[in-house]
Amino acid sequence: MDFFNKTGKAAIGSRLRMLTETIMEDAARIHQLYGSNLQPKWFPVYYVLTEGEAKTITAIAKEIGHSHPSVSKIIGEMKKAGLVAEKKDKADGRRNLVQLTKKGLEINETLQLQLIDVGNAIEAISAQATNDLWKAIAEWEYLLEQQSLISRVTALWKKREADKVKIVDYQPAYKTAFKALNEEWISRWFKMEAADYQSLDNPEGYILKKGGHIFVALYNDEPVGVCALIKMDDPDYDYEMAKMAVSPKAQGKSIGWLLGQAIIEKARSLGARNVFLGSNTVLKPAISLYEKLGFKKVADRPSPYERANIQMALDLV
C-alpha cells in the first residue's frame, strides 16, 4: 500500500477498484463453495427474481440501479446457464417478462444459507474494524448523489483557473483584442451589424468618452475576455452591460462571471440605479450567467440589434 500512501486520496478510484476486485474474487469462490455457481455480477438480478414475480428487464434495472443494456446482457448469460426464462406478458404482448427457471429456483434454498454466513462474516469484519464500511458507503453514496465528484473537482479547478485571471481597465493596446474577441463571438452565433462596428471600431469615442468603461480579462497576460459598461441616454436605465466576449480557448475559467462582477461594481461606484443588457435566448449559458449576476427579464424596448430578443436589467438601489 506504499503507492496509495504516496498518492493519497486522489487514487481513491484505483484503491476501491482493487478492494472490489478482491471481494468479487472471493464472492465467486463463495458461490462455488455453496454449489450455486452464480457469477457475482448476476447476484443482484437473481436476488430480485427470487421474490417469485416475473419482471421486465426495465423493472429489474430500475430496482437494482443498473442500466438496461447491462441487465439485458446479464439476463442473456443467465438464460444460457438455464437459470432464467423469458415469456410474453399476457397483459401486454409487446413486453417480455423474466423469471427464474426450476433450476434457478433450486439454487435459492442454498443461497439463503450462504447469505446468512456471508452476512455473519461481514459483521465479524465490521466488529474488528475501527470504521463501519457499510455506513460509510451509504454516506458516500448520498453525498455523491447530492454533488458528484466531478462537479466538486470542477468547482476547485474553476477557482484555480479564475485565480489566474486578472481584470484590468481598457488601454489602447487592447483595442485590437476588444474588436477581435467580439467579432469572433458574434460571428459564431449571428452576424455583425452596423451597431457592432460603431462601438468596436471606435471604443474610445463611442464608449469611453461618453462616460463608459471597458474591462479586459487577462489570462497569463493574454487578453481572453472583454466587456463594456456603456452610458445610456435613457430615462429608465443608466448603463448598459454590452460587448461581453470570451475566447473559446478560455471557456470554463469563470471569466464571464468575473467580467460581469467588475461591470456591476463599476456601475455601483458611479452611483448607477441599474444596469441594462440585451441578449438572445439561444445563448442559454449567457442567460444563465446574467441570472446568476442578478439580472431579470424586463419589457421589450427598441434595440439597435436585430439579434436581441430578450432584455434584462439589474437594480442596484
Protein backbone atom coordinates (compact mmCIF):
# COMPACT_ATOMS: atom_id res chain seq x y z
CA MET A 1 0.00 0.00 0.00
CA ASP A 2 3.03 2.33 -0.23
CA PHE A 3 1.74 3.52 -3.60
CA PHE A 4 -1.53 4.77 -2.08
CA ASN A 5 0.36 6.37 0.81
CA LYS A 6 2.24 8.37 -1.82
CA THR A 7 -0.73 9.31 -3.99
CA GLY A 8 -3.11 10.00 -1.13
CA LYS A 9 -6.88 10.26 -1.60
CA ALA A 10 -6.55 11.19 -5.29
CA ALA A 11 -6.17 7.49 -6.07
CA ILE A 12 -9.47 6.57 -4.41
CA GLY A 13 -10.83 5.06 -7.65
CA SER A 14 -7.87 2.71 -8.04
CA ARG A 15 -7.95 1.69 -4.40
CA LEU A 16 -11.69 1.00 -4.42
CA ARG A 17 -11.31 -0.98 -7.64
CA MET A 18 -8.65 -3.18 -6.04
CA LEU A 19 -10.85 -3.71 -2.98
CA THR A 20 -13.82 -4.51 -5.21
CA GLU A 21 -11.79 -6.97 -7.27
CA THR A 22 -10.61 -8.72 -4.09
CA ILE A 23 -14.16 -9.04 -2.77
CA MET A 24 -15.56 -10.14 -6.15
CA GLU A 25 -12.90 -12.84 -6.47
CA ASP A 26 -13.86 -14.16 -3.03
CA ALA A 27 -17.56 -13.88 -3.94
CA ALA A 28 -17.05 -16.14 -6.96
CA ARG A 29 -15.28 -18.73 -4.78
CA ILE A 30 -18.05 -18.48 -2.15
CA HIS A 31 -20.72 -19.19 -4.79
CA GLN A 32 -18.73 -22.27 -5.84
CA LEU A 33 -18.31 -23.33 -2.21
CA TYR A 34 -22.08 -23.39 -1.69
CA GLY A 35 -22.70 -25.03 -5.06
CA SER A 36 -24.75 -22.21 -6.59
CA ASN A 37 -22.20 -21.42 -9.32
CA LEU A 38 -23.70 -17.96 -9.69
CA GLN A 39 -21.41 -15.33 -11.10
CA PRO A 40 -21.12 -12.41 -8.65
CA LYS A 41 -22.34 -9.93 -11.26
CA TRP A 42 -25.55 -11.99 -11.65
CA PHE A 43 -26.42 -11.77 -7.95
CA PRO A 44 -28.48 -8.52 -7.95
CA VAL A 45 -30.63 -9.74 -10.86
CA TYR A 46 -31.01 -13.20 -9.35
CA TYR A 47 -31.91 -11.83 -5.94
CA VAL A 48 -34.80 -9.64 -7.15
CA LEU A 49 -36.15 -12.58 -9.14
CA THR A 50 -36.21 -14.83 -6.05
CA GLU A 51 -39.24 -12.87 -4.92
CA GLY A 52 -41.13 -15.03 -7.41
CA GLU A 53 -42.75 -12.34 -9.51
CA ALA A 54 -41.82 -12.23 -13.20
CA LYS A 55 -40.36 -8.84 -14.11
CA THR A 56 -39.38 -6.86 -17.17
CA ILE A 57 -35.75 -6.02 -17.79
CA THR A 58 -36.65 -2.35 -17.35
CA ALA A 59 -38.17 -3.03 -13.91
CA ILE A 60 -35.15 -5.08 -12.82
CA ALA A 61 -32.71 -2.39 -14.00
CA LYS A 62 -34.61 0.28 -12.08
CA GLU A 63 -34.75 -1.80 -8.89
CA ILE A 64 -31.06 -2.65 -8.77
CA GLY A 65 -29.80 0.68 -10.18
CA HIS A 66 -28.17 -0.79 -13.29
CA SER A 67 -28.52 0.26 -16.92
CA HIS A 68 -30.97 -1.56 -19.21
CA PRO A 69 -28.17 -2.84 -21.53
CA SER A 70 -26.24 -4.17 -18.51
CA VAL A 71 -29.22 -6.10 -17.18
CA SER A 72 -30.12 -7.33 -20.66
CA LYS A 73 -26.61 -8.77 -21.04
CA ILE A 74 -26.79 -10.47 -17.63
CA ILE A 75 -30.20 -11.97 -18.45
CA GLY A 76 -28.71 -13.36 -21.65
CA GLU A 77 -25.88 -15.02 -19.72
CA MET A 78 -28.27 -16.42 -17.11
CA LYS A 79 -30.50 -17.83 -19.84
CA LYS A 80 -27.53 -19.73 -21.29
CA ALA A 81 -26.89 -21.13 -17.82
CA GLY A 82 -30.51 -22.26 -17.64
CA LEU A 83 -31.35 -20.09 -14.62
CA VAL A 84 -33.94 -17.77 -16.17
CA ALA A 85 -36.52 -17.84 -18.93
CA GLU A 86 -38.43 -15.15 -20.78
CA LYS A 87 -42.09 -15.12 -21.69
CA LYS A 88 -44.55 -12.69 -23.24
CA ASP A 89 -46.61 -10.56 -20.90
CA LYS A 90 -50.23 -11.69 -21.23
CA ALA A 91 -51.45 -8.18 -20.44
CA ASP A 92 -49.10 -6.56 -22.97
CA GLY A 93 -47.69 -8.76 -25.72
CA ARG A 94 -45.02 -6.18 -26.51
CA ARG A 95 -43.26 -6.80 -23.21
CA ASN A 96 -41.08 -9.75 -22.21
CA LEU A 97 -41.13 -10.95 -18.61
CA VAL A 98 -38.18 -12.66 -16.94
CA GLN A 99 -38.48 -15.28 -14.21
CA LEU A 100 -36.37 -18.00 -12.64
CA THR A 101 -36.50 -21.49 -14.07
CA LYS A 102 -36.82 -24.62 -11.92
CA LYS A 103 -33.02 -24.87 -11.95
CA GLY A 104 -32.77 -21.25 -10.87
CA LEU A 105 -35.23 -21.72 -8.03
CA GLU A 106 -33.33 -24.77 -6.72
CA ILE A 107 -30.32 -22.57 -6.02
CA ASN A 108 -32.31 -20.27 -3.78
CA GLU A 109 -32.52 -22.58 -0.75
CA THR A 110 -28.75 -22.99 -0.60
CA LEU A 111 -28.31 -19.30 -1.35
CA GLN A 112 -30.27 -18.32 1.76
CA LEU A 113 -27.78 -20.23 3.92
CA GLN A 114 -24.94 -18.62 2.00
CA LEU A 115 -26.34 -15.15 2.65
CA ILE A 116 -26.56 -15.84 6.38
CA ASP A 117 -22.94 -16.99 6.53
CA VAL A 118 -21.66 -14.13 4.37
CA GLY A 119 -23.62 -11.64 6.48
CA ASN A 120 -22.11 -13.03 9.68
CA ALA A 121 -18.62 -12.90 8.17
CA ILE A 122 -19.12 -9.26 7.20
CA GLU A 123 -20.38 -8.47 10.70
CA ALA A 124 -17.25 -10.08 12.13
CA ILE A 125 -15.04 -7.91 9.94
CA SER A 126 -17.04 -4.82 10.96
CA ALA A 127 -16.58 -5.70 14.62
CA GLN A 128 -12.81 -5.84 14.11
CA ALA A 129 -12.72 -2.61 12.10
CA THR A 130 -12.50 0.88 13.57
CA ASN A 131 -14.86 2.29 10.94
CA ASP A 132 -18.16 0.90 9.67
CA LEU A 133 -17.59 0.49 5.92
CA TRP A 134 -21.26 -0.25 5.21
CA LYS A 135 -22.42 3.01 6.80
CA ALA A 136 -19.56 4.90 5.18
CA ILE A 137 -20.56 3.62 1.72
CA ALA A 138 -24.15 4.73 2.33
CA GLU A 139 -22.93 8.18 3.38
CA TRP A 140 -20.68 8.50 0.35
CA GLU A 141 -23.47 7.39 -1.98
CA TYR A 142 -25.77 10.04 -0.51
CA LEU A 143 -23.16 12.80 -0.63
CA LEU A 144 -22.13 11.98 -4.22
CA GLU A 145 -25.78 11.95 -5.20
CA GLN A 146 -26.07 15.49 -3.83
CA GLN A 147 -22.93 16.61 -5.66
CA SER A 148 -20.81 14.33 -7.82
CA LEU A 149 -17.04 14.03 -7.53
CA ILE A 150 -16.58 15.55 -10.99
CA SER A 151 -18.65 18.61 -10.08
CA ARG A 152 -16.69 19.09 -6.85
CA VAL A 153 -13.34 18.84 -8.64
CA THR A 154 -14.59 21.06 -11.47
CA ALA A 155 -15.50 23.77 -8.95
CA LEU A 156 -11.98 23.64 -7.49
CA TRP A 157 -10.46 23.67 -10.98
CA LYS A 158 -12.54 26.70 -11.95
CA LYS A 159 -11.45 28.53 -8.83
CA ARG A 160 -7.81 27.70 -9.53
CA GLU A 161 -8.16 28.91 -13.12
CA ALA A 162 -10.09 32.02 -12.05
CA ASP A 163 -7.24 32.93 -9.71
CA LYS A 164 -5.01 33.19 -12.80
CA VAL A 165 -7.34 35.76 -14.37
CA LYS A 166 -6.78 39.49 -13.91
CA ILE A 167 -9.48 42.05 -14.76
CA VAL A 168 -7.87 45.29 -15.91
CA ASP A 169 -9.06 48.61 -17.34
CA TYR A 170 -9.03 49.12 -21.08
CA GLN A 171 -5.89 50.53 -22.67
CA PRO A 172 -5.38 51.47 -26.34
CA ALA A 173 -3.15 48.39 -26.63
CA TYR A 174 -6.26 46.24 -26.14
CA LYS A 175 -8.27 47.82 -28.98
CA THR A 176 -7.48 45.02 -31.43
CA ALA A 177 -8.36 42.34 -28.88
CA PHE A 178 -11.61 44.12 -27.99
CA LYS A 179 -12.76 44.00 -31.60
CA ALA A 180 -11.36 40.55 -32.44
CA LEU A 181 -12.92 38.80 -29.44
CA ASN A 182 -16.32 40.35 -30.16
CA GLU A 183 -16.16 39.61 -33.89
CA GLU A 184 -15.25 36.00 -33.15
CA TRP A 185 -18.12 35.60 -30.68
CA ILE A 186 -20.80 37.42 -32.69
CA SER A 187 -19.91 35.73 -35.98
CA ARG A 188 -20.09 32.31 -34.34
CA TRP A 189 -23.77 32.79 -33.48
CA PHE A 190 -25.12 35.67 -35.55
CA LYS A 191 -23.84 38.28 -37.99
CA MET A 192 -22.03 41.54 -37.40
CA GLU A 193 -24.34 44.57 -37.53
CA ALA A 194 -23.78 48.29 -38.03
CA ALA A 195 -24.13 48.97 -34.29
CA ASP A 196 -21.35 46.44 -33.63
CA TYR A 197 -18.87 48.17 -35.91
CA GLN A 198 -19.80 51.54 -34.41
CA SER A 199 -18.57 50.56 -30.95
CA LEU A 200 -15.84 48.09 -31.91
CA ASP A 201 -14.10 50.34 -34.45
CA ASN A 202 -14.09 53.32 -32.10
CA PRO A 203 -14.37 52.17 -28.46
CA GLU A 204 -12.69 55.32 -27.17
CA GLY A 205 -15.15 57.67 -28.86
CA TYR A 206 -18.30 55.58 -28.66
CA ILE A 207 -17.89 54.19 -25.14
CA LEU A 208 -15.13 55.77 -23.06
CA LYS A 209 -15.53 59.46 -23.91
CA LYS A 210 -19.27 59.22 -23.29
CA GLY A 211 -18.75 58.14 -19.69
CA GLY A 212 -18.46 54.41 -20.22
CA HIS A 213 -15.82 51.87 -19.25
CA ILE A 214 -14.27 48.73 -20.72
CA PHE A 215 -12.72 45.87 -18.79
CA VAL A 216 -10.30 43.31 -20.18
CA ALA A 217 -9.71 39.83 -18.74
CA LEU A 218 -6.09 38.69 -18.90
CA TYR A 219 -5.13 35.03 -18.59
CA ASN A 220 -1.38 34.57 -18.36
CA ASP A 221 -1.21 38.23 -19.50
CA GLU A 222 -3.13 37.47 -22.73
CA PRO A 223 -6.46 39.25 -23.41
CA VAL A 224 -9.09 36.50 -23.46
CA GLY A 225 -12.24 38.37 -22.47
CA VAL A 226 -13.76 41.82 -22.67
CA CYS A 227 -16.89 43.64 -21.53
CA ALA A 228 -18.14 47.22 -21.74
CA LEU A 229 -20.24 49.43 -19.48
CA ILE A 230 -21.95 51.94 -21.77
CA LYS A 231 -23.57 55.16 -20.51
CA MET A 232 -27.18 55.23 -21.70
CA ASP A 233 -29.21 58.27 -22.71
CA ASP A 234 -32.41 56.81 -21.28
CA PRO A 235 -34.76 57.99 -18.52
CA ASP A 236 -35.22 54.45 -17.20
CA TYR A 237 -31.72 52.97 -17.42
CA ASP A 238 -28.33 54.44 -16.51
CA TYR A 239 -25.83 52.00 -18.00
CA GLU A 240 -25.78 49.04 -20.37
CA MET A 241 -23.56 45.98 -19.99
CA ALA A 242 -22.54 45.12 -23.53
CA LYS A 243 -19.90 43.62 -25.74
CA MET A 244 -19.07 40.77 -23.37
CA ALA A 245 -16.96 38.24 -25.25
CA VAL A 246 -14.72 35.41 -24.05
CA SER A 247 -12.30 33.46 -26.22
CA PRO A 248 -13.35 29.80 -26.78
CA LYS A 249 -9.92 28.70 -25.54
CA ALA A 250 -10.60 30.39 -22.21
CA GLN A 251 -14.09 28.99 -21.59
CA GLY A 252 -14.73 27.41 -18.20
CA LYS A 253 -12.47 29.75 -16.25
CA SER A 254 -15.30 31.92 -14.83
CA ILE A 255 -14.15 34.84 -16.98
CA GLY A 256 -17.69 35.91 -17.86
CA TRP A 257 -18.62 35.91 -14.18
CA LEU A 258 -15.54 37.96 -13.24
CA LEU A 259 -16.17 40.49 -16.01
CA GLY A 260 -19.83 40.77 -15.05
CA GLN A 261 -18.96 41.39 -11.42
CA ALA A 262 -16.41 44.05 -12.42
CA ILE A 263 -19.02 45.81 -14.57
CA ILE A 264 -21.61 45.78 -11.78
CA GLU A 265 -19.18 47.06 -9.17
CA LYS A 266 -18.09 49.85 -11.52
CA ALA A 267 -21.69 50.86 -12.16
CA ARG A 268 -22.37 50.83 -8.42
CA SER A 269 -19.33 53.02 -7.75
CA LEU A 270 -20.64 55.51 -10.32
CA GLY A 271 -23.92 55.78 -8.45
CA ALA A 272 -25.95 53.98 -11.12
CA ARG A 273 -29.52 52.98 -10.30
CA ASN A 274 -29.43 50.00 -12.61
CA VAL A 275 -27.66 48.17 -15.43
CA PHE A 276 -29.43 47.09 -18.63
CA LEU A 277 -28.49 44.46 -21.23
CA GLY A 278 -29.82 42.93 -24.43
CA SER A 279 -29.20 39.33 -25.46
CA ASN A 280 -30.68 36.37 -27.31
CA THR A 281 -32.42 33.37 -25.76
CA VAL A 282 -30.43 30.96 -27.92
CA LEU A 283 -27.43 31.83 -25.73
CA LYS A 284 -28.52 29.72 -22.76
CA PRO A 285 -25.17 29.79 -20.88
CA ALA A 286 -25.05 33.58 -21.22
CA ILE A 287 -28.64 33.99 -19.99
CA SER A 288 -27.83 31.71 -17.06
CA LEU A 289 -24.78 33.85 -16.25
CA TYR A 290 -26.84 37.04 -16.29
CA GLU A 291 -29.42 35.49 -13.99
CA LYS A 292 -26.69 34.43 -11.55
CA LEU A 293 -25.41 38.01 -11.60
CA GLY A 294 -28.88 39.14 -10.58
CA PHE A 295 -30.35 40.34 -13.89
CA LYS A 296 -34.07 39.83 -14.53
CA LYS A 297 -36.10 39.97 -17.71
CA VAL A 298 -37.74 43.33 -18.44
CA ALA A 299 -40.28 44.54 -21.01
CA ASP A 300 -39.04 44.74 -24.58
CA ARG A 301 -37.86 48.11 -25.87
CA PRO A 302 -36.33 49.24 -29.17
CA SER A 303 -32.87 47.77 -29.78
CA PRO A 304 -30.22 48.65 -32.36
CA TYR A 305 -29.50 44.92 -32.76
CA GLU A 306 -31.62 42.53 -34.85
CA ARG A 307 -30.39 39.58 -32.78
CA ALA A 308 -31.62 40.96 -29.45
CA ASN A 309 -34.83 39.14 -28.44
CA ILE A 310 -34.53 39.40 -24.67
CA GLN A 311 -33.75 42.36 -22.44
CA MET A 312 -32.72 42.19 -18.81
CA ALA A 313 -31.87 44.63 -16.05
CA LEU A 314 -30.26 44.65 -12.64
CA ASP A 315 -31.42 47.08 -9.96
CA LEU A 316 -28.59 48.48 -7.84
CA VAL A 317 -30.64 50.55 -5.36
